[in-house]
Amino acid sequence: MMRRKQIAILTVLVALAGCSGGETGATDTTPSAPASGTGPQLVIEGPWSLPTPPIEDGTGIVYMVFRNEGGAADRLVAAKTPMAAAVELHIDEIDANGVMHMHMVDGGVIDFPPGETVVLEPAGLHIMLIELTEPLAAGTTYPLTLKFEQSGEFTLDVPVTDEAPELESADPIVVPAP
C-alpha cells in the first residue's frame, strides 16, 4: 500500500514539473521539435497584413504560414480581432474562364494535417477582415485571436507592412499544445 502511495505522489510531481506555470503567448518563440504520435503542434511564421486605404468600413487581409509539427490534425475554425466587425476564412480561386473569385473556404475551416505546411498568401488562402474599425497603417500591429478545433484560442500580434516578411529571419510562434 505504501508503494502505491509513493508511485501516485511521484506521478503527480512529474506531471507538475512538466507544467510551465503560466500562459504562453505570441512572445513564446521557442521552436518545437517534431512530436509525431502526439496531438497537434502548430507553429506560425510570418503573420502580416497589407496597409489599407483610409476609408471607413474597409476590408483587410491577413497572411501567414502554419506548420503542424505534431502527430494529429488540427483546424482553424474561427478568428477575431478588435480591428474588424467580422473575420472570415477565405480563398481566392480561378474559375474555368480564368476569372479569380474570392469566397469563404469550404466548411468554413482551414485544415492542418500532421506534418504539413499550409500557406496563407495573396491569391490563395487568407483571413479576411470585414468592416475595419480603422484603416490598417504600415508600421503598426494589431491583435488577432485564432480559434483552433484542438489547440483552443491563441492570440498573436499581426504587423502591418507593405511586403511579406522574410520567413528565414522571423522567429516562429509556437501555439501551446492542447
N, C-alpha and C. Protein backbone atom coordinates (compact mmCIF):
# COMPACT_ATOMS: atom_id res chain seq x y z
N MET A 1 0.83 -1.19 0.00
CA MET A 1 0.00 0.00 0.00
C MET A 1 0.87 1.25 0.00
N MET A 2 1.93 1.23 0.80
CA MET A 2 2.84 2.38 0.86
C MET A 2 3.50 2.61 -0.49
N ARG A 3 3.83 1.55 -1.21
CA ARG A 3 4.46 1.67 -2.53
C ARG A 3 3.51 2.36 -3.51
N ARG A 4 2.22 2.03 -3.50
CA ARG A 4 1.25 2.67 -4.39
C ARG A 4 1.14 4.16 -4.10
N LYS A 5 1.15 4.56 -2.84
CA LYS A 5 1.09 5.98 -2.48
C LYS A 5 2.33 6.71 -2.99
N GLN A 6 3.50 6.08 -2.87
CA GLN A 6 4.73 6.70 -3.36
C GLN A 6 4.68 6.88 -4.87
N ILE A 7 4.17 5.88 -5.58
CA ILE A 7 4.06 5.98 -7.04
C ILE A 7 3.07 7.08 -7.41
N ALA A 8 1.94 7.17 -6.73
CA ALA A 8 0.94 8.21 -7.01
C ALA A 8 1.52 9.60 -6.78
N ILE A 9 2.26 9.76 -5.67
CA ILE A 9 2.87 11.06 -5.37
C ILE A 9 3.92 11.41 -6.41
N LEU A 10 4.73 10.44 -6.80
CA LEU A 10 5.76 10.66 -7.81
C LEU A 10 5.11 11.04 -9.15
N THR A 11 4.02 10.39 -9.51
CA THR A 11 3.31 10.70 -10.75
C THR A 11 2.81 12.14 -10.75
N VAL A 12 2.25 12.58 -9.64
CA VAL A 12 1.76 13.96 -9.53
C VAL A 12 2.92 14.94 -9.63
N LEU A 13 4.03 14.67 -8.97
CA LEU A 13 5.19 15.56 -9.01
C LEU A 13 5.77 15.67 -10.42
N VAL A 14 5.85 14.55 -11.14
CA VAL A 14 6.36 14.58 -12.51
C VAL A 14 5.42 15.40 -13.39
N ALA A 15 4.10 15.21 -13.23
CA ALA A 15 3.14 15.97 -14.02
C ALA A 15 3.25 17.46 -13.73
N LEU A 16 3.41 17.82 -12.46
CA LEU A 16 3.53 19.24 -12.10
C LEU A 16 4.83 19.83 -12.62
N ALA A 17 5.89 19.07 -12.62
CA ALA A 17 7.17 19.57 -13.12
C ALA A 17 7.10 19.89 -14.60
N GLY A 18 6.22 19.20 -15.34
CA GLY A 18 6.09 19.44 -16.77
C GLY A 18 5.25 20.65 -17.09
N CYS A 19 4.54 21.22 -16.13
CA CYS A 19 3.71 22.40 -16.37
C CYS A 19 4.59 23.64 -16.40
N SER A 20 4.23 24.59 -17.26
CA SER A 20 5.02 25.82 -17.36
C SER A 20 4.66 26.80 -16.26
N GLY A 21 3.47 26.66 -15.69
CA GLY A 21 3.08 27.56 -14.61
C GLY A 21 2.49 28.86 -15.09
N GLY A 22 2.43 29.11 -16.36
CA GLY A 22 1.86 30.36 -16.86
C GLY A 22 1.43 30.19 -18.29
N GLU A 23 0.70 31.19 -18.77
CA GLU A 23 0.25 31.14 -20.14
C GLU A 23 1.37 31.55 -21.06
N THR A 24 1.38 30.96 -22.24
CA THR A 24 2.31 31.39 -23.26
C THR A 24 1.53 32.17 -24.28
N GLY A 25 2.20 33.09 -24.95
CA GLY A 25 1.51 33.90 -25.93
C GLY A 25 2.36 34.09 -27.16
N ALA A 26 2.09 35.13 -27.91
CA ALA A 26 2.78 35.36 -29.16
C ALA A 26 4.27 35.61 -28.95
N THR A 27 4.68 35.95 -27.73
CA THR A 27 6.10 36.19 -27.49
C THR A 27 6.86 34.90 -27.27
N ASP A 28 6.16 33.75 -27.15
CA ASP A 28 6.82 32.47 -27.00
C ASP A 28 7.29 32.03 -28.38
N THR A 29 8.59 32.14 -28.64
CA THR A 29 9.12 31.83 -29.95
C THR A 29 10.04 30.63 -29.93
N THR A 30 9.92 29.79 -28.91
CA THR A 30 10.75 28.61 -28.83
C THR A 30 10.35 27.62 -29.92
N PRO A 31 11.30 27.28 -30.82
CA PRO A 31 10.95 26.31 -31.85
C PRO A 31 10.63 24.96 -31.21
N SER A 32 9.68 24.27 -31.79
CA SER A 32 9.31 22.97 -31.24
C SER A 32 9.95 21.86 -32.05
N ALA A 33 10.22 20.76 -31.39
CA ALA A 33 10.71 19.58 -32.09
C ALA A 33 9.50 18.80 -32.59
N PRO A 34 9.63 18.12 -33.72
CA PRO A 34 8.50 17.32 -34.18
C PRO A 34 8.06 16.36 -33.10
N ALA A 35 6.75 16.25 -32.93
CA ALA A 35 6.19 15.44 -31.86
C ALA A 35 5.27 14.38 -32.42
N SER A 36 5.79 13.62 -33.39
CA SER A 36 4.94 12.62 -34.03
C SER A 36 4.35 11.67 -33.00
N GLY A 37 3.12 11.26 -33.28
CA GLY A 37 2.44 10.35 -32.38
C GLY A 37 1.71 11.05 -31.25
N THR A 38 1.78 12.38 -31.20
CA THR A 38 1.09 13.14 -30.16
C THR A 38 -0.01 13.96 -30.80
N GLY A 39 -0.52 14.93 -30.07
CA GLY A 39 -1.54 15.83 -30.60
C GLY A 39 -0.94 16.80 -31.60
N PRO A 40 -1.74 17.76 -32.05
CA PRO A 40 -1.22 18.76 -32.98
C PRO A 40 -0.20 19.67 -32.29
N GLN A 41 0.77 20.17 -33.04
CA GLN A 41 1.72 21.16 -32.55
C GLN A 41 1.89 22.18 -33.67
N LEU A 42 1.13 23.28 -33.57
CA LEU A 42 1.13 24.29 -34.62
C LEU A 42 2.22 25.32 -34.40
N VAL A 43 2.90 25.65 -35.48
CA VAL A 43 3.92 26.69 -35.49
C VAL A 43 3.50 27.70 -36.56
N ILE A 44 3.50 28.97 -36.19
CA ILE A 44 3.10 30.04 -37.11
C ILE A 44 4.33 30.86 -37.46
N GLU A 45 4.45 31.19 -38.74
CA GLU A 45 5.56 32.03 -39.18
C GLU A 45 5.05 33.18 -40.04
N GLY A 46 5.67 34.33 -39.86
CA GLY A 46 5.46 35.48 -40.73
C GLY A 46 4.07 36.02 -40.87
N PRO A 47 3.29 36.20 -39.77
CA PRO A 47 1.98 36.83 -39.94
C PRO A 47 2.15 38.27 -40.42
N TRP A 48 1.25 38.72 -41.31
CA TRP A 48 1.31 40.10 -41.78
C TRP A 48 0.03 40.50 -42.48
N SER A 49 -0.18 41.80 -42.56
CA SER A 49 -1.29 42.40 -43.31
C SER A 49 -0.75 43.55 -44.13
N LEU A 50 -1.37 43.78 -45.27
CA LEU A 50 -1.04 44.96 -46.07
C LEU A 50 -1.75 46.18 -45.49
N PRO A 51 -1.16 47.37 -45.63
CA PRO A 51 -1.87 48.58 -45.22
C PRO A 51 -3.13 48.74 -46.08
N THR A 52 -4.13 49.40 -45.52
CA THR A 52 -5.37 49.63 -46.25
C THR A 52 -5.55 51.13 -46.49
N PRO A 53 -6.34 51.48 -47.50
CA PRO A 53 -6.61 52.90 -47.74
C PRO A 53 -7.43 53.48 -46.58
N PRO A 54 -7.33 54.77 -46.37
CA PRO A 54 -8.05 55.40 -45.25
C PRO A 54 -9.54 55.59 -45.56
N ILE A 55 -10.25 54.47 -45.71
CA ILE A 55 -11.69 54.55 -45.95
C ILE A 55 -12.43 53.89 -44.79
N GLU A 56 -13.64 54.35 -44.55
CA GLU A 56 -14.44 53.82 -43.47
C GLU A 56 -15.00 52.44 -43.84
N ASP A 57 -15.01 51.53 -42.87
CA ASP A 57 -15.56 50.18 -43.05
C ASP A 57 -14.86 49.39 -44.16
N GLY A 58 -13.58 49.59 -44.35
CA GLY A 58 -12.84 48.86 -45.37
C GLY A 58 -12.60 47.41 -44.98
N THR A 59 -11.86 46.72 -45.82
CA THR A 59 -11.51 45.34 -45.55
C THR A 59 -9.99 45.19 -45.51
N GLY A 60 -9.54 44.19 -44.79
CA GLY A 60 -8.12 43.88 -44.71
C GLY A 60 -7.92 42.39 -44.86
N ILE A 61 -6.68 41.99 -45.07
CA ILE A 61 -6.36 40.58 -45.27
C ILE A 61 -5.15 40.23 -44.42
N VAL A 62 -5.16 39.02 -43.86
CA VAL A 62 -4.06 38.52 -43.05
C VAL A 62 -3.46 37.30 -43.73
N TYR A 63 -2.14 37.25 -43.77
CA TYR A 63 -1.41 36.13 -44.34
C TYR A 63 -0.44 35.58 -43.29
N MET A 64 -0.09 34.32 -43.40
CA MET A 64 0.91 33.69 -42.54
C MET A 64 1.13 32.26 -43.01
N VAL A 65 2.09 31.60 -42.39
CA VAL A 65 2.39 30.20 -42.69
C VAL A 65 2.14 29.39 -41.42
N PHE A 66 1.45 28.26 -41.57
CA PHE A 66 1.21 27.33 -40.46
C PHE A 66 1.95 26.03 -40.76
N ARG A 67 2.65 25.51 -39.77
CA ARG A 67 3.23 24.17 -39.84
C ARG A 67 2.66 23.36 -38.69
N ASN A 68 2.22 22.14 -38.97
CA ASN A 68 1.76 21.25 -37.92
C ASN A 68 2.86 20.22 -37.70
N GLU A 69 3.64 20.42 -36.66
CA GLU A 69 4.76 19.53 -36.36
C GLU A 69 4.36 18.39 -35.43
N GLY A 70 3.07 18.29 -35.13
CA GLY A 70 2.59 17.24 -34.24
C GLY A 70 2.14 16.01 -35.00
N GLY A 71 1.59 15.07 -34.26
CA GLY A 71 1.16 13.82 -34.85
C GLY A 71 -0.33 13.72 -35.10
N ALA A 72 -1.07 14.81 -34.87
CA ALA A 72 -2.52 14.80 -35.10
C ALA A 72 -2.93 16.08 -35.82
N ALA A 73 -4.04 15.99 -36.53
CA ALA A 73 -4.56 17.13 -37.28
C ALA A 73 -5.18 18.17 -36.34
N ASP A 74 -5.24 19.39 -36.83
CA ASP A 74 -5.98 20.46 -36.17
C ASP A 74 -6.60 21.27 -37.28
N ARG A 75 -7.43 22.21 -36.93
CA ARG A 75 -8.04 23.08 -37.94
C ARG A 75 -8.35 24.43 -37.33
N LEU A 76 -8.24 25.46 -38.17
CA LEU A 76 -8.62 26.81 -37.79
C LEU A 76 -10.12 26.93 -38.06
N VAL A 77 -10.89 27.20 -37.00
CA VAL A 77 -12.35 27.24 -37.15
C VAL A 77 -12.91 28.65 -37.09
N ALA A 78 -12.13 29.61 -36.57
CA ALA A 78 -12.61 30.99 -36.48
C ALA A 78 -11.44 31.90 -36.14
N ALA A 79 -11.67 33.19 -36.28
CA ALA A 79 -10.69 34.21 -35.89
C ALA A 79 -11.45 35.47 -35.53
N LYS A 80 -10.82 36.32 -34.71
CA LYS A 80 -11.44 37.59 -34.34
C LYS A 80 -10.36 38.60 -34.02
N THR A 81 -10.72 39.87 -34.16
CA THR A 81 -9.83 40.97 -33.84
C THR A 81 -10.69 42.19 -33.52
N PRO A 82 -10.22 43.06 -32.62
CA PRO A 82 -10.97 44.30 -32.38
C PRO A 82 -10.89 45.26 -33.57
N MET A 83 -10.07 44.93 -34.56
CA MET A 83 -9.91 45.80 -35.73
C MET A 83 -11.01 45.63 -36.76
N ALA A 84 -11.86 44.59 -36.61
CA ALA A 84 -12.89 44.34 -37.62
C ALA A 84 -14.18 43.85 -36.98
N ALA A 85 -15.30 44.18 -37.64
CA ALA A 85 -16.61 43.73 -37.16
C ALA A 85 -16.77 42.23 -37.36
N ALA A 86 -16.15 41.68 -38.40
CA ALA A 86 -16.24 40.25 -38.68
C ALA A 86 -14.92 39.77 -39.28
N VAL A 87 -14.64 38.48 -39.08
CA VAL A 87 -13.44 37.85 -39.64
C VAL A 87 -13.88 36.54 -40.27
N GLU A 88 -13.45 36.30 -41.53
CA GLU A 88 -13.82 35.08 -42.24
C GLU A 88 -12.58 34.44 -42.84
N LEU A 89 -12.63 33.13 -43.03
CA LEU A 89 -11.55 32.38 -43.66
C LEU A 89 -11.90 32.26 -45.14
N HIS A 90 -11.03 32.80 -46.00
CA HIS A 90 -11.33 32.90 -47.44
C HIS A 90 -10.26 32.23 -48.28
N ILE A 91 -10.62 32.04 -49.55
CA ILE A 91 -9.68 31.56 -50.56
C ILE A 91 -9.99 32.26 -51.87
N ASP A 92 -8.94 32.56 -52.63
CA ASP A 92 -9.08 33.08 -53.99
C ASP A 92 -8.88 31.90 -54.93
N GLU A 93 -9.80 31.71 -55.88
CA GLU A 93 -9.69 30.63 -56.85
C GLU A 93 -10.02 31.15 -58.23
N ILE A 94 -9.37 30.57 -59.24
CA ILE A 94 -9.61 30.96 -60.62
C ILE A 94 -10.60 29.98 -61.23
N ASP A 95 -11.66 30.54 -61.87
CA ASP A 95 -12.68 29.67 -62.47
C ASP A 95 -12.25 29.22 -63.87
N ALA A 96 -13.11 28.47 -64.54
CA ALA A 96 -12.80 27.92 -65.87
C ALA A 96 -12.55 29.00 -66.91
N ASN A 97 -13.06 30.21 -66.67
CA ASN A 97 -12.87 31.32 -67.61
C ASN A 97 -11.64 32.16 -67.27
N GLY A 98 -10.88 31.75 -66.28
CA GLY A 98 -9.68 32.48 -65.90
C GLY A 98 -9.95 33.68 -65.01
N VAL A 99 -11.16 33.76 -64.44
CA VAL A 99 -11.53 34.88 -63.58
C VAL A 99 -11.34 34.46 -62.12
N MET A 100 -10.65 35.31 -61.34
CA MET A 100 -10.42 34.99 -59.94
C MET A 100 -11.64 35.40 -59.11
N HIS A 101 -12.04 34.50 -58.22
CA HIS A 101 -13.16 34.73 -57.32
C HIS A 101 -12.70 34.47 -55.89
N MET A 102 -13.15 35.30 -54.97
CA MET A 102 -12.87 35.10 -53.56
C MET A 102 -14.14 34.62 -52.89
N HIS A 103 -14.00 33.60 -52.02
CA HIS A 103 -15.15 33.10 -51.27
C HIS A 103 -14.67 32.46 -49.98
N MET A 104 -15.62 32.21 -49.08
CA MET A 104 -15.26 31.53 -47.84
C MET A 104 -14.78 30.12 -48.17
N VAL A 105 -13.86 29.61 -47.36
CA VAL A 105 -13.36 28.25 -47.57
C VAL A 105 -14.47 27.25 -47.32
N ASP A 106 -14.41 26.12 -48.01
CA ASP A 106 -15.40 25.06 -47.84
C ASP A 106 -15.46 24.63 -46.38
N GLY A 107 -16.65 24.58 -45.84
CA GLY A 107 -16.84 24.17 -44.46
C GLY A 107 -16.48 25.23 -43.45
N GLY A 108 -15.95 26.38 -43.91
CA GLY A 108 -15.60 27.47 -43.01
C GLY A 108 -14.38 27.22 -42.15
N VAL A 109 -13.56 26.23 -42.49
CA VAL A 109 -12.38 25.90 -41.69
C VAL A 109 -11.16 25.71 -42.60
N ILE A 110 -9.98 25.85 -42.01
CA ILE A 110 -8.73 25.54 -42.71
C ILE A 110 -8.08 24.39 -41.95
N ASP A 111 -7.83 23.28 -42.65
CA ASP A 111 -7.25 22.08 -42.05
C ASP A 111 -5.73 22.14 -42.01
N PHE A 112 -5.17 21.59 -40.92
CA PHE A 112 -3.72 21.48 -40.76
C PHE A 112 -3.38 20.01 -40.48
N PRO A 113 -3.16 19.21 -41.53
CA PRO A 113 -2.80 17.81 -41.33
C PRO A 113 -1.44 17.70 -40.63
N PRO A 114 -1.22 16.60 -39.90
CA PRO A 114 0.07 16.43 -39.22
C PRO A 114 1.21 16.39 -40.23
N GLY A 115 2.30 17.07 -39.89
CA GLY A 115 3.49 17.08 -40.74
C GLY A 115 3.39 17.96 -41.97
N GLU A 116 2.31 18.71 -42.11
CA GLU A 116 2.09 19.52 -43.31
C GLU A 116 2.26 21.02 -43.03
N THR A 117 2.54 21.77 -44.10
CA THR A 117 2.62 23.22 -44.06
C THR A 117 1.47 23.78 -44.88
N VAL A 118 0.77 24.77 -44.32
CA VAL A 118 -0.34 25.43 -45.01
C VAL A 118 0.00 26.92 -45.08
N VAL A 119 0.01 27.45 -46.30
CA VAL A 119 0.42 28.83 -46.51
C VAL A 119 -0.80 29.69 -46.81
N LEU A 120 -0.97 30.76 -46.03
CA LEU A 120 -1.97 31.78 -46.32
C LEU A 120 -1.23 32.89 -47.04
N GLU A 121 -1.60 33.15 -48.31
CA GLU A 121 -0.83 34.06 -49.14
C GLU A 121 -1.72 34.77 -50.15
N PRO A 122 -1.23 35.86 -50.74
CA PRO A 122 -2.01 36.54 -51.77
C PRO A 122 -2.40 35.57 -52.88
N ALA A 123 -3.62 35.69 -53.38
CA ALA A 123 -4.18 34.84 -54.43
C ALA A 123 -4.34 33.39 -53.98
N GLY A 124 -4.55 33.18 -52.68
CA GLY A 124 -4.76 31.84 -52.13
C GLY A 124 -5.58 31.92 -50.86
N LEU A 125 -5.29 31.04 -49.92
CA LEU A 125 -5.95 31.09 -48.62
C LEU A 125 -5.57 32.37 -47.89
N HIS A 126 -6.52 32.93 -47.13
CA HIS A 126 -6.23 34.10 -46.32
C HIS A 126 -7.33 34.30 -45.28
N ILE A 127 -7.05 35.16 -44.34
CA ILE A 127 -8.03 35.55 -43.34
C ILE A 127 -8.52 36.94 -43.72
N MET A 128 -9.84 37.09 -43.88
CA MET A 128 -10.43 38.34 -44.34
C MET A 128 -10.99 39.12 -43.16
N LEU A 129 -10.58 40.38 -43.04
CA LEU A 129 -11.10 41.28 -42.01
C LEU A 129 -12.17 42.15 -42.67
N ILE A 130 -13.37 42.09 -42.15
CA ILE A 130 -14.51 42.76 -42.78
C ILE A 130 -14.99 43.91 -41.89
N GLU A 131 -15.26 45.05 -42.51
CA GLU A 131 -15.68 46.27 -41.81
C GLU A 131 -14.66 46.67 -40.74
N LEU A 132 -13.49 47.07 -41.22
CA LEU A 132 -12.43 47.52 -40.31
C LEU A 132 -12.92 48.67 -39.44
N THR A 133 -12.50 48.68 -38.18
CA THR A 133 -12.84 49.76 -37.27
C THR A 133 -11.98 50.99 -37.53
N GLU A 134 -10.82 50.75 -38.15
CA GLU A 134 -9.92 51.83 -38.59
C GLU A 134 -9.00 51.25 -39.64
N PRO A 135 -8.43 52.08 -40.49
CA PRO A 135 -7.53 51.57 -41.52
C PRO A 135 -6.31 50.89 -40.89
N LEU A 136 -5.74 49.92 -41.62
CA LEU A 136 -4.50 49.27 -41.19
C LEU A 136 -3.34 50.10 -41.71
N ALA A 137 -2.58 50.69 -40.80
CA ALA A 137 -1.49 51.60 -41.17
C ALA A 137 -0.15 50.88 -41.11
N ALA A 138 0.67 51.09 -42.13
CA ALA A 138 2.01 50.49 -42.18
C ALA A 138 2.78 50.87 -40.92
N GLY A 139 3.52 49.89 -40.38
CA GLY A 139 4.33 50.13 -39.20
C GLY A 139 3.61 49.87 -37.89
N THR A 140 2.31 49.53 -37.95
CA THR A 140 1.55 49.24 -36.73
C THR A 140 1.35 47.72 -36.61
N THR A 141 0.82 47.31 -35.48
CA THR A 141 0.43 45.91 -35.28
C THR A 141 -0.97 45.90 -34.66
N TYR A 142 -1.63 44.77 -34.75
CA TYR A 142 -2.93 44.61 -34.10
C TYR A 142 -3.06 43.15 -33.65
N PRO A 143 -3.88 42.91 -32.61
CA PRO A 143 -4.05 41.54 -32.13
C PRO A 143 -5.05 40.77 -33.00
N LEU A 144 -4.75 39.49 -33.20
CA LEU A 144 -5.63 38.58 -33.92
C LEU A 144 -5.73 37.30 -33.09
N THR A 145 -6.94 36.92 -32.73
CA THR A 145 -7.15 35.68 -31.98
C THR A 145 -7.61 34.60 -32.95
N LEU A 146 -6.87 33.51 -32.97
CA LEU A 146 -7.18 32.37 -33.81
C LEU A 146 -7.82 31.29 -32.93
N LYS A 147 -8.90 30.68 -33.42
CA LYS A 147 -9.54 29.61 -32.66
C LYS A 147 -9.36 28.31 -33.42
N PHE A 148 -8.65 27.37 -32.77
CA PHE A 148 -8.38 26.07 -33.36
C PHE A 148 -9.29 25.02 -32.73
N GLU A 149 -9.64 24.03 -33.50
CA GLU A 149 -10.51 22.96 -33.01
C GLU A 149 -9.87 22.20 -31.84
N GLN A 150 -8.60 21.87 -31.93
CA GLN A 150 -7.91 21.11 -30.89
C GLN A 150 -7.09 21.99 -29.96
N SER A 151 -6.40 22.97 -30.49
CA SER A 151 -5.45 23.78 -29.72
C SER A 151 -6.07 24.97 -29.01
N GLY A 152 -7.37 25.19 -29.18
CA GLY A 152 -8.05 26.28 -28.48
C GLY A 152 -7.76 27.63 -29.10
N GLU A 153 -7.91 28.69 -28.30
CA GLU A 153 -7.67 30.05 -28.79
C GLU A 153 -6.24 30.48 -28.54
N PHE A 154 -5.71 31.25 -29.47
CA PHE A 154 -4.35 31.76 -29.37
C PHE A 154 -4.32 33.14 -30.01
N THR A 155 -3.77 34.13 -29.29
CA THR A 155 -3.70 35.50 -29.81
C THR A 155 -2.27 35.84 -30.17
N LEU A 156 -2.11 36.46 -31.34
CA LEU A 156 -0.80 36.92 -31.78
C LEU A 156 -0.93 38.33 -32.31
N ASP A 157 0.19 39.02 -32.42
CA ASP A 157 0.22 40.37 -32.98
C ASP A 157 0.56 40.28 -34.46
N VAL A 158 -0.23 40.96 -35.29
CA VAL A 158 -0.03 40.96 -36.73
C VAL A 158 0.56 42.30 -37.15
N PRO A 159 1.78 42.31 -37.70
CA PRO A 159 2.35 43.56 -38.20
C PRO A 159 1.73 43.95 -39.54
N VAL A 160 1.56 45.25 -39.73
CA VAL A 160 1.07 45.78 -41.00
C VAL A 160 2.28 46.30 -41.75
N THR A 161 2.50 45.75 -42.95
CA THR A 161 3.70 46.06 -43.72
C THR A 161 3.40 46.02 -45.21
N ASP A 162 4.21 46.70 -46.00
CA ASP A 162 3.99 46.76 -47.44
C ASP A 162 4.37 45.49 -48.18
N GLU A 163 5.14 44.61 -47.53
CA GLU A 163 5.51 43.36 -48.19
C GLU A 163 5.68 42.25 -47.17
N ALA A 164 5.59 41.03 -47.65
CA ALA A 164 5.69 39.85 -46.79
C ALA A 164 7.03 39.81 -46.07
N PRO A 165 7.04 39.39 -44.82
CA PRO A 165 8.31 39.28 -44.10
C PRO A 165 9.13 38.10 -44.62
N GLU A 166 10.42 38.18 -44.43
CA GLU A 166 11.32 37.07 -44.77
C GLU A 166 11.17 36.00 -43.71
N LEU A 167 10.69 34.84 -44.10
CA LEU A 167 10.46 33.78 -43.12
C LEU A 167 11.74 33.30 -42.46
N GLU A 168 12.84 33.33 -43.19
CA GLU A 168 14.11 32.87 -42.63
C GLU A 168 14.56 33.73 -41.44
N SER A 169 14.17 35.00 -41.44
CA SER A 169 14.61 35.89 -40.37
C SER A 169 13.56 36.04 -39.26
N ALA A 170 12.38 35.49 -39.48
CA ALA A 170 11.31 35.62 -38.47
C ALA A 170 11.38 34.49 -37.46
N ASP A 171 11.13 34.82 -36.20
CA ASP A 171 11.06 33.80 -35.17
C ASP A 171 9.72 33.08 -35.27
N PRO A 172 9.73 31.76 -35.24
CA PRO A 172 8.45 31.05 -35.28
C PRO A 172 7.66 31.26 -33.98
N ILE A 173 6.35 31.23 -34.11
CA ILE A 173 5.45 31.37 -32.96
C ILE A 173 4.84 30.00 -32.70
N VAL A 174 5.08 29.44 -31.54
CA VAL A 174 4.58 28.11 -31.22
C VAL A 174 3.25 28.24 -30.46
N VAL A 175 2.21 27.65 -31.03
CA VAL A 175 0.91 27.62 -30.37
C VAL A 175 0.98 26.56 -29.28
N PRO A 176 0.62 26.90 -28.05
CA PRO A 176 0.69 25.89 -26.98
C PRO A 176 -0.13 24.65 -27.34
N ALA A 177 0.46 23.51 -27.08
CA ALA A 177 -0.20 22.23 -27.39
C ALA A 177 -1.44 22.07 -26.50
N PRO A 178 -2.46 21.41 -27.05
CA PRO A 178 -3.69 21.22 -26.27
C PRO A 178 -3.47 20.29 -25.08
